[in-house]
Amino acid sequence: MPQISRRGVLAAAAAVPLALPDTANARDVIAPSGRQFPLSSGNHKLVVTEVGAALRSWQVDGRELLLTHPADQLGDSFFGKVLLPWANRIDSATYTFRGTEYQTPASENWSGHAIHGLVSWAAWTPVRHDKDRVTLEYTLHPQYGYPFALRFQLEYALRPHGVQVMLTARNVGTTVAPLGAGYHPYFRVDVNAARLTVPAETYLVNNDMLIPVGRSGVDGTPYDFRATRQVGATKLDTCFTDLRREDGIATVSVDQIRLWMDGTHEFVQVYTDDGAPGRPARAGISIEPMTSAPNAFNSGDGLITLEPGQSHRGSWGLSG
C-alpha cells in the first residue's frame, strides 16, 4: 500500500479551492486559512492570516514578493507561518528536558521527526487590527510531548522602511519551559539566477536525516554567501550562524529583498525549495530567522528556557 506523506496531503489539499455552498448557511463556512487581516501603508501591502498567524502576502508597488496562495486554499510547505515552540526539526520527535524524556507527534512522515512546532495550523486571536498593524495572540496549553504553557503575542507592523514582526512569548505555566522561535517566509525569485547574501561565518553540518552533527566554516565551501553571488545550481537546506551584524542587526538578502534579524535570532535557515511536492521545484527561496538551531531541544544550541512568568521578545523584518 503506498505511503502518503504529510507534505503530499497538504499539497493535494492546497490544490482544492474552497467551494462555498449557495445556501443561507454559507456564512458559517470558513476559509482554510481563516480570517484575513489586510494592512497597507505607502507602497506596502500585507495580508496576515488567522491560521498560523501567517504572512500570506507582501506586495511592494503592486508586486507580490512572496510565494503565496489564495485565501480559499490551504497553502503548502509552511508558507509564511510562525514556528513555535520550536523551529525546524526535533530528532525522532524525542527530546529530554531537565531530566525527563518527551515524545512529540512525528509530524514529518519521511524522517519520523517533529517539525516546525505546534501552532502553524492553530487559530490565532486578533487583539488589535489597524490599517498598518495587526496583533494576534495564541495560548499554547500543556499537551503530551510538550507539557508547558506559553502565551504568544505576534505583531506585524508596516514601518517607513518596510515590515516589522515582533514576538512576545510568556511562560504562563508553573514549570520551566523550553522554547525556540522561527518564521518561514518564502520569497518569489528565480532561484538559479537569484543573488543571495548570507553574512554567516559558519554553517551547521547535517546528517542524512537533516539533523545537525557539527559546525564548519563557510570559507571555501558552496555555502559561502558572505559576498553576494548567484545561487546557481547550489541546493540549500542549510542553517547558518555566527552572523555578522551592524548595530546588533544581521541582514540576509535575496535580489532586492532584505530580511533583518535582531540579536535574539542567532541562526538563519536558507532553503531553495528543492523537494517541493505538488509544485515545480525551486519556485522560491525560504529564509527562516530562528532563535535556535534545528534539534535545539536535544542539543541545547540556542535553546531558550523560560521560568514561570518570564518572557522572551524578539523582532525581525523585511524591506524590498
Protein backbone atom coordinates (compact mmCIF):
# COMPACT_ATOMS: atom_id res chain seq x y z
CA MET A 1 0.00 0.00 0.00
CA PRO A 2 1.59 3.33 -0.97
CA GLN A 3 2.51 5.76 1.79
CA ILE A 4 1.25 9.30 1.59
CA SER A 5 3.46 11.92 3.17
CA ARG A 6 2.13 14.75 5.29
CA ARG A 7 3.53 17.25 2.78
CA GLY A 8 1.81 15.35 -0.02
CA VAL A 9 -1.52 15.60 1.78
CA LEU A 10 -1.00 19.33 2.27
CA ALA A 11 -0.11 19.78 -1.37
CA ALA A 12 -3.22 17.93 -2.50
CA ALA A 13 -5.42 19.92 -0.15
CA ALA A 14 -3.79 23.15 -1.24
CA ALA A 15 -4.83 22.50 -4.83
CA VAL A 16 -8.52 22.16 -3.96
CA PRO A 17 -10.34 25.50 -3.76
CA LEU A 18 -12.91 26.00 -1.05
CA ALA A 19 -16.41 25.59 -2.52
CA LEU A 20 -18.88 27.90 -0.80
CA PRO A 21 -22.41 26.47 -0.88
CA ASP A 22 -25.14 28.74 -2.16
CA THR A 23 -27.27 28.48 0.98
CA ALA A 24 -28.20 30.55 3.99
CA ASN A 25 -25.54 28.66 5.92
CA ALA A 26 -22.73 29.77 3.62
CA ARG A 27 -21.73 32.39 6.15
CA ASP A 28 -20.77 29.53 8.52
CA VAL A 29 -18.16 28.19 6.07
CA ILE A 30 -14.64 29.31 6.90
CA ALA A 31 -11.64 29.72 4.63
CA PRO A 32 -8.83 27.19 5.22
CA SER A 33 -6.50 30.00 6.34
CA GLY A 34 -9.19 31.63 8.48
CA ARG A 35 -9.85 35.34 8.67
CA GLN A 36 -7.64 37.64 6.63
CA PHE A 37 -6.10 40.80 8.10
CA PRO A 38 -5.01 43.24 5.38
CA LEU A 39 -2.52 46.02 6.17
CA SER A 40 -1.38 48.90 4.00
CA SER A 41 0.95 51.87 4.29
CA GLY A 42 2.60 53.79 1.48
CA ASN A 43 3.64 51.36 -1.24
CA HIS A 44 3.46 48.28 1.04
CA LYS A 45 0.52 45.90 1.47
CA LEU A 46 0.37 42.83 3.71
CA VAL A 47 -2.15 40.10 4.37
CA VAL A 48 -1.84 38.15 7.64
CA THR A 49 -4.00 35.10 8.34
CA GLU A 50 -5.81 33.87 11.42
CA VAL A 51 -4.49 30.34 10.91
CA GLY A 52 -0.83 30.10 11.83
CA ALA A 53 -0.51 33.91 12.16
CA ALA A 54 0.96 33.57 8.69
CA LEU A 55 2.30 36.28 6.41
CA ARG A 56 0.29 35.26 3.34
CA SER A 57 1.03 38.22 1.06
CA TRP A 58 3.53 41.06 0.87
CA GLN A 59 3.28 43.48 -2.02
CA VAL A 60 5.51 46.43 -2.80
CA ASP A 61 4.36 48.80 -5.56
CA GLY A 62 1.73 46.21 -6.51
CA ARG A 63 4.25 43.40 -6.99
CA GLU A 64 3.86 40.21 -4.95
CA LEU A 65 7.18 39.27 -3.32
CA LEU A 66 6.10 36.03 -1.61
CA LEU A 67 5.17 32.57 -2.76
CA THR A 68 1.56 32.69 -1.71
CA HIS A 69 -1.86 31.12 -2.12
CA PRO A 70 -5.46 32.33 -2.32
CA ALA A 71 -7.37 32.72 0.93
CA ASP A 72 -9.66 29.83 -0.06
CA GLN A 73 -6.79 27.35 -0.28
CA LEU A 74 -4.80 25.66 2.46
CA GLY A 75 -1.35 26.62 1.25
CA ASP A 76 1.73 24.43 1.38
CA SER A 77 5.13 24.00 3.00
CA PHE A 78 4.51 26.29 5.95
CA PHE A 79 4.20 29.31 3.65
CA GLY A 80 4.68 32.36 5.87
CA LYS A 81 3.99 30.52 9.12
CA VAL A 82 5.36 31.27 12.58
CA LEU A 83 7.21 28.29 14.07
CA LEU A 84 6.65 27.82 17.81
CA PRO A 85 7.59 26.49 20.33
CA TRP A 86 10.39 25.14 18.15
CA ALA A 87 11.62 25.78 14.63
CA ASN A 88 12.86 23.11 12.27
CA ARG A 89 13.30 19.52 13.49
CA ILE A 90 13.38 17.53 16.71
CA ASP A 91 15.31 14.33 16.04
CA SER A 92 12.98 11.30 16.03
CA ALA A 93 10.34 13.51 17.70
CA THR A 94 12.00 12.81 21.07
CA TYR A 95 13.87 15.09 23.45
CA THR A 96 15.00 15.27 27.07
CA PHE A 97 14.47 18.42 29.13
CA ARG A 98 15.50 18.78 32.77
CA GLY A 99 15.98 15.03 33.06
CA THR A 100 12.61 13.99 31.60
CA GLU A 101 12.19 12.45 28.16
CA TYR A 102 9.29 13.62 25.99
CA GLN A 103 7.81 12.16 22.81
CA THR A 104 6.13 14.67 20.50
CA PRO A 105 3.97 13.85 17.45
CA ALA A 106 6.17 12.83 14.50
CA SER A 107 4.90 15.39 12.01
CA GLU A 108 7.43 14.75 9.23
CA ASN A 109 6.47 11.47 7.60
CA TRP A 110 9.66 10.54 5.76
CA SER A 111 12.00 11.14 8.72
CA GLY A 112 9.94 10.47 11.81
CA HIS A 113 10.97 13.87 13.15
CA ALA A 114 8.78 16.55 14.70
CA ILE A 115 8.99 19.67 12.56
CA HIS A 116 8.18 23.37 12.99
CA GLY A 117 6.36 23.32 16.30
CA LEU A 118 2.72 23.16 17.26
CA VAL A 119 0.99 26.38 16.20
CA SER A 120 1.21 26.55 12.40
CA TRP A 121 -2.37 25.34 11.96
CA ALA A 122 -3.81 26.93 15.09
CA ALA A 123 -6.34 29.76 15.03
CA TRP A 124 -4.81 32.92 16.49
CA THR A 125 -6.99 35.58 18.12
CA PRO A 126 -6.75 39.18 16.89
CA VAL A 127 -6.34 41.64 19.76
CA ARG A 128 -5.72 44.71 17.58
CA HIS A 129 -6.15 45.42 13.88
CA ASP A 130 -5.41 48.86 12.46
CA LYS A 131 -4.70 49.96 8.92
CA ASP A 132 -0.95 49.45 9.30
CA ARG A 133 -0.64 46.78 12.01
CA VAL A 134 -2.22 43.68 13.46
CA THR A 135 -1.57 41.89 16.75
CA LEU A 136 -2.53 38.23 17.16
CA GLU A 137 -2.42 36.09 20.29
CA TYR A 138 -2.39 32.37 20.97
CA THR A 139 -2.19 30.38 24.20
CA LEU A 140 -0.44 27.04 23.88
CA HIS A 141 -1.82 24.75 26.57
CA PRO A 142 0.15 21.81 28.00
CA GLN A 143 -0.13 18.64 25.95
CA TYR A 144 1.51 15.26 25.58
CA GLY A 145 5.04 15.79 24.36
CA TYR A 146 5.07 19.46 25.36
CA PRO A 147 3.52 19.80 28.85
CA PHE A 148 4.26 23.52 29.15
CA ALA A 149 2.03 26.59 28.93
CA LEU A 150 3.05 29.58 26.81
CA ARG A 151 1.20 32.65 25.59
CA PHE A 152 2.35 34.16 22.31
CA GLN A 153 1.65 37.63 21.01
CA LEU A 154 2.76 38.45 17.48
CA GLU A 155 2.57 41.88 15.86
CA TYR A 156 3.00 42.66 12.18
CA ALA A 157 3.50 46.37 11.54
CA LEU A 158 4.26 48.45 8.47
CA ARG A 159 7.04 50.97 9.06
CA PRO A 160 8.54 53.59 6.72
CA HIS A 161 11.35 51.13 5.89
CA GLY A 162 9.10 48.09 5.39
CA VAL A 163 7.73 45.32 7.60
CA GLN A 164 8.47 44.69 11.27
CA VAL A 165 7.47 41.48 13.08
CA MET A 166 7.59 41.40 16.88
CA LEU A 167 7.07 38.34 19.08
CA THR A 168 6.47 38.16 22.81
CA ALA A 169 6.40 34.68 24.35
CA ARG A 170 5.47 34.39 28.03
CA ASN A 171 5.58 31.34 30.25
CA VAL A 172 2.11 31.23 31.83
CA GLY A 173 2.66 27.82 33.41
CA THR A 174 4.18 26.65 36.66
CA THR A 175 7.32 24.95 35.34
CA VAL A 176 10.36 25.99 33.31
CA ALA A 177 9.65 25.70 29.56
CA PRO A 178 11.96 25.14 26.55
CA LEU A 179 11.43 27.47 23.61
CA GLY A 180 12.66 28.15 20.12
CA ALA A 181 11.09 30.62 17.69
CA GLY A 182 11.26 30.78 13.92
CA TYR A 183 9.47 32.08 10.84
CA HIS A 184 9.02 30.68 7.34
CA PRO A 185 8.59 33.34 4.63
CA TYR A 186 9.02 32.09 1.06
CA PHE A 187 10.25 34.64 -1.47
CA ARG A 188 9.20 34.59 -5.11
CA VAL A 189 12.50 34.60 -7.01
CA ASP A 190 14.18 32.75 -9.87
CA VAL A 191 16.31 30.56 -7.61
CA ASN A 192 19.15 29.79 -10.03
CA ALA A 193 19.52 33.43 -11.05
CA ALA A 194 18.88 34.88 -7.59
CA ARG A 195 21.68 36.83 -5.94
CA LEU A 196 21.99 35.81 -2.30
CA THR A 197 23.87 37.32 0.62
CA VAL A 198 24.18 35.49 3.96
CA PRO A 199 26.64 37.21 6.34
CA ALA A 200 27.49 33.99 8.19
CA GLU A 201 30.90 32.64 9.14
CA THR A 202 29.60 29.16 9.99
CA TYR A 203 27.08 26.61 8.77
CA LEU A 204 25.69 23.55 10.53
CA VAL A 205 26.68 20.19 9.05
CA ASN A 206 23.72 17.80 8.78
CA ASN A 207 23.49 14.04 8.69
CA ASP A 208 21.35 12.27 6.09
CA MET A 209 18.27 12.92 8.23
CA LEU A 210 18.86 16.70 8.23
CA ILE A 211 19.89 16.79 11.89
CA PRO A 212 22.97 18.91 12.71
CA VAL A 213 26.01 16.89 13.77
CA GLY A 214 28.62 19.64 13.80
CA ARG A 215 29.72 23.06 12.59
CA SER A 216 32.07 24.16 9.84
CA GLY A 217 33.37 27.44 8.50
CA VAL A 218 31.84 28.54 5.21
CA ASP A 219 35.18 29.58 3.73
CA GLY A 220 35.92 27.53 0.60
CA THR A 221 32.55 25.76 0.62
CA PRO A 222 29.42 26.06 -1.56
CA TYR A 223 27.79 27.69 1.48
CA ASP A 224 29.88 30.85 1.45
CA PHE A 225 27.49 33.68 0.60
CA ARG A 226 29.26 36.37 2.62
CA ALA A 227 29.86 38.18 -0.66
CA THR A 228 26.74 38.47 -2.80
CA ARG A 229 26.64 35.87 -5.58
CA GLN A 230 24.20 33.86 -7.66
CA VAL A 231 22.72 30.76 -6.09
CA GLY A 232 23.15 28.85 -9.36
CA ALA A 233 22.65 25.10 -9.01
CA THR A 234 23.52 25.08 -5.28
CA LYS A 235 20.95 23.23 -3.20
CA LEU A 236 20.38 24.67 0.24
CA ASP A 237 18.53 23.35 3.24
CA THR A 238 21.18 24.84 5.42
CA CYS A 239 21.35 26.55 8.79
CA PHE A 240 23.84 29.39 9.16
CA THR A 241 25.17 31.04 12.31
CA ASP A 242 27.94 33.32 13.59
CA LEU A 243 26.23 36.13 11.72
CA ARG A 244 27.98 39.42 11.05
CA ARG A 245 25.96 42.30 12.47
CA GLU A 246 25.79 46.07 12.33
CA ASP A 247 24.39 47.70 15.47
CA GLY A 248 23.15 44.27 16.54
CA ILE A 249 21.28 43.59 13.29
CA ALA A 250 22.08 40.80 10.81
CA THR A 251 20.73 41.17 7.26
CA VAL A 252 20.21 38.42 4.68
CA SER A 253 19.28 39.49 1.16
CA VAL A 254 18.00 37.84 -1.99
CA ASP A 255 17.78 40.06 -5.05
CA GLN A 256 16.14 43.31 -3.87
CA ILE A 257 14.61 41.75 -0.72
CA ARG A 258 16.33 42.32 2.61
CA LEU A 259 15.46 40.36 5.75
CA TRP A 260 16.88 41.70 9.00
CA MET A 261 17.05 39.99 12.40
CA ASP A 262 17.75 41.31 15.86
CA GLY A 263 20.25 39.72 18.23
CA THR A 264 17.79 37.16 19.59
CA HIS A 265 17.94 35.40 16.21
CA GLU A 266 21.32 33.68 16.18
CA PHE A 267 20.52 31.34 13.29
CA VAL A 268 19.01 31.54 9.82
CA GLN A 269 17.90 28.61 7.66
CA VAL A 270 18.01 29.03 3.88
CA TYR A 271 16.01 26.58 1.76
CA THR A 272 15.98 26.52 -2.04
CA ASP A 273 12.73 24.54 -2.19
CA ASP A 274 14.19 21.53 -3.99
CA GLY A 275 11.83 18.94 -2.50
CA ALA A 276 8.52 20.70 -3.02
CA PRO A 277 5.57 18.36 -3.65
CA GLY A 278 2.74 19.43 -5.91
CA ARG A 279 4.54 22.39 -7.49
CA PRO A 280 7.70 22.97 -9.53
CA ALA A 281 10.90 22.65 -7.53
CA ARG A 282 12.91 25.79 -6.77
CA ALA A 283 9.89 28.06 -7.13
CA GLY A 284 11.33 30.33 -4.47
CA ILE A 285 13.69 30.67 -1.53
CA SER A 286 12.72 30.43 2.12
CA ILE A 287 14.81 32.50 4.53
CA GLU A 288 13.96 31.49 8.09
CA PRO A 289 15.14 33.61 11.04
CA MET A 290 15.46 31.38 14.12
CA THR A 291 16.42 31.84 17.75
CA SER A 292 17.86 28.33 17.99
CA ALA A 293 19.40 25.65 15.83
CA PRO A 294 17.50 22.69 14.39
CA ASN A 295 17.18 19.98 17.05
CA ALA A 296 17.92 22.51 19.80
CA PHE A 297 15.55 20.65 22.14
CA ASN A 298 18.20 17.91 22.17
CA SER A 299 21.45 19.79 21.55
CA GLY A 300 20.65 22.92 23.56
CA ASP A 301 22.15 25.01 20.75
CA GLY A 302 20.46 28.38 21.19
CA LEU A 303 17.64 26.92 23.28
CA ILE A 304 15.67 29.47 25.32
CA THR A 305 14.43 28.43 28.76
CA LEU A 306 11.65 30.47 30.32
CA GLU A 307 10.94 30.46 34.04
CA PRO A 308 7.30 30.80 35.09
CA GLY A 309 6.22 34.37 34.41
CA GLN A 310 9.30 35.11 32.28
CA SER A 311 9.01 36.49 28.73
CA HIS A 312 11.09 36.35 25.57
CA ARG A 313 10.93 39.14 22.98
CA GLY A 314 12.41 39.29 19.52
CA SER A 315 11.91 41.04 16.21
CA TRP A 316 12.79 40.79 12.55
CA GLY A 317 11.61 42.46 9.40
CA LEU A 318 11.60 42.94 5.64
CA SER A 319 12.32 45.65 3.13
CA GLY A 320 12.25 45.47 -0.62
